[in-house]
């Protein structure tokens, strides 16, 4: 049965990683759930790029950190933090597109 990534994660947040990048942290409180998400193969540069409307090359890092049961995703901002046209100077609301990602 598919479940939303948001429902599986215990922490789901985004933040600036400097003025030119956004980092998304997804943390789990259960090793089996973390392994399920990791093994699903759904969290890829291509899928993230599609969800965010970015070129695949803008996805800088996807790190599965087993010791913390977490996933860190970093991508290039389309507009640097604080410049004209930036609607989220802190990058704090950028995790939303990933929330509905279905994990089987």
Protein backbone atom coordinates (compact mmCIF):
# COMPACT_ATOMS: atom_id res chain seq x y z
CA UNK A 1 0.00 0.00 0.00
CA UNK A 2 1.34 3.42 -0.95
CA UNK A 3 1.75 6.08 1.73
CA UNK A 4 2.72 9.72 1.47
CA UNK A 5 6.30 10.53 2.42
CA UNK A 6 4.94 13.20 4.77
CA UNK A 7 3.02 10.56 6.73
CA UNK A 8 6.08 8.34 7.09
CA UNK A 9 8.56 11.01 8.24
CA UNK A 10 8.82 12.31 11.79
CA UNK A 11 10.62 15.51 10.70
CA UNK A 12 10.18 17.19 7.34
CA UNK A 13 11.82 20.60 6.88
CA UNK A 14 13.71 22.83 4.50
CA UNK A 15 16.19 25.65 5.00
CA UNK A 16 18.82 27.67 3.22
CA UNK A 17 22.15 26.06 2.66
CA UNK A 18 23.80 29.39 1.96
CA UNK A 19 22.22 32.00 -0.32
CA UNK A 20 22.23 29.80 -3.43
CA UNK A 21 21.00 26.41 -2.21
CA UNK A 22 18.08 24.85 -0.34
CA UNK A 23 18.44 21.76 1.86
CA UNK A 24 15.57 19.47 2.74
CA UNK A 25 15.85 17.19 5.76
CA UNK A 26 13.62 14.14 6.10
CA UNK A 27 14.05 12.21 9.35
CA UNK A 28 12.44 8.99 10.51
CA UNK A 29 11.91 7.58 13.99
CA UNK A 30 11.66 3.96 12.88
CA UNK A 31 14.47 2.02 11.15
CA UNK A 32 12.03 -0.11 9.15
CA UNK A 33 10.27 2.96 7.76
CA UNK A 34 13.58 4.61 6.87
CA UNK A 35 14.76 1.46 5.08
CA UNK A 36 11.41 1.20 3.26
CA UNK A 37 11.71 4.74 1.92
CA UNK A 38 15.35 4.21 0.98
CA UNK A 39 14.61 0.91 -0.77
CA UNK A 40 11.64 2.34 -2.68
CA UNK A 41 13.99 4.03 -5.14
CA UNK A 42 11.55 6.93 -5.43
CA UNK A 43 13.84 9.65 -4.10
CA UNK A 44 16.05 10.36 -7.09
CA UNK A 45 17.52 13.47 -8.69
CA UNK A 46 15.16 13.04 -11.63
CA UNK A 47 12.05 12.81 -9.46
CA UNK A 48 13.04 15.77 -7.31
CA UNK A 49 13.86 17.86 -10.37
CA UNK A 50 10.43 17.00 -11.81
CA UNK A 51 8.60 17.91 -8.59
CA UNK A 52 10.40 21.26 -8.32
CA UNK A 53 10.42 22.13 -12.01
CA UNK A 54 14.22 22.22 -12.05
CA UNK A 55 16.82 20.83 -14.43
CA UNK A 56 18.25 17.58 -13.08
CA UNK A 57 21.67 19.25 -12.83
CA UNK A 58 20.27 21.58 -10.13
CA UNK A 59 19.99 18.68 -7.70
CA UNK A 60 23.31 18.88 -5.88
CA UNK A 61 23.11 16.08 -3.31
CA UNK A 62 20.87 13.30 -2.12
CA UNK A 63 22.34 11.69 0.98
CA UNK A 64 20.83 8.75 2.82
CA UNK A 65 22.39 8.96 6.27
CA UNK A 66 21.78 5.61 7.91
CA UNK A 67 23.14 6.53 11.36
CA UNK A 68 20.55 9.31 11.70
CA UNK A 69 17.78 7.53 9.72
CA UNK A 70 17.60 10.61 7.58
CA UNK A 71 17.71 11.92 4.04
CA UNK A 72 19.29 15.21 3.06
CA UNK A 73 18.49 16.71 -0.32
CA UNK A 74 20.24 19.85 -1.56
CA UNK A 75 19.36 21.74 -4.71
CA UNK A 76 20.23 25.06 -6.32
CA UNK A 77 17.84 27.93 -5.71
CA UNK A 78 16.41 29.49 -8.85
CA UNK A 79 16.70 32.93 -7.21
CA UNK A 80 19.32 33.63 -4.54
CA UNK A 81 18.04 34.28 -1.04
CA UNK A 82 16.90 37.84 -0.42
CA UNK A 83 17.06 39.11 -4.00
CA UNK A 84 14.13 40.64 -5.86
CA UNK A 85 11.54 38.00 -6.62
CA UNK A 86 12.54 35.67 -3.77
CA UNK A 87 9.37 34.58 -1.98
CA UNK A 88 10.99 32.52 0.80
CA UNK A 89 14.13 34.23 2.04
CA UNK A 90 14.86 31.49 4.62
CA UNK A 91 13.97 28.55 2.40
CA UNK A 92 11.66 27.32 5.17
CA UNK A 93 8.65 26.43 3.02
CA UNK A 94 10.32 24.48 0.22
CA UNK A 95 9.68 20.94 1.41
CA UNK A 96 6.03 20.96 0.29
CA UNK A 97 6.42 19.39 -3.19
CA UNK A 98 7.97 16.28 -1.63
CA UNK A 99 5.24 15.82 0.98
CA UNK A 100 2.84 14.05 -1.41
CA UNK A 101 5.48 11.73 -2.88
CA UNK A 102 4.09 8.20 -2.69
CA UNK A 103 6.18 5.44 -1.20
CA UNK A 104 5.18 1.86 -2.04
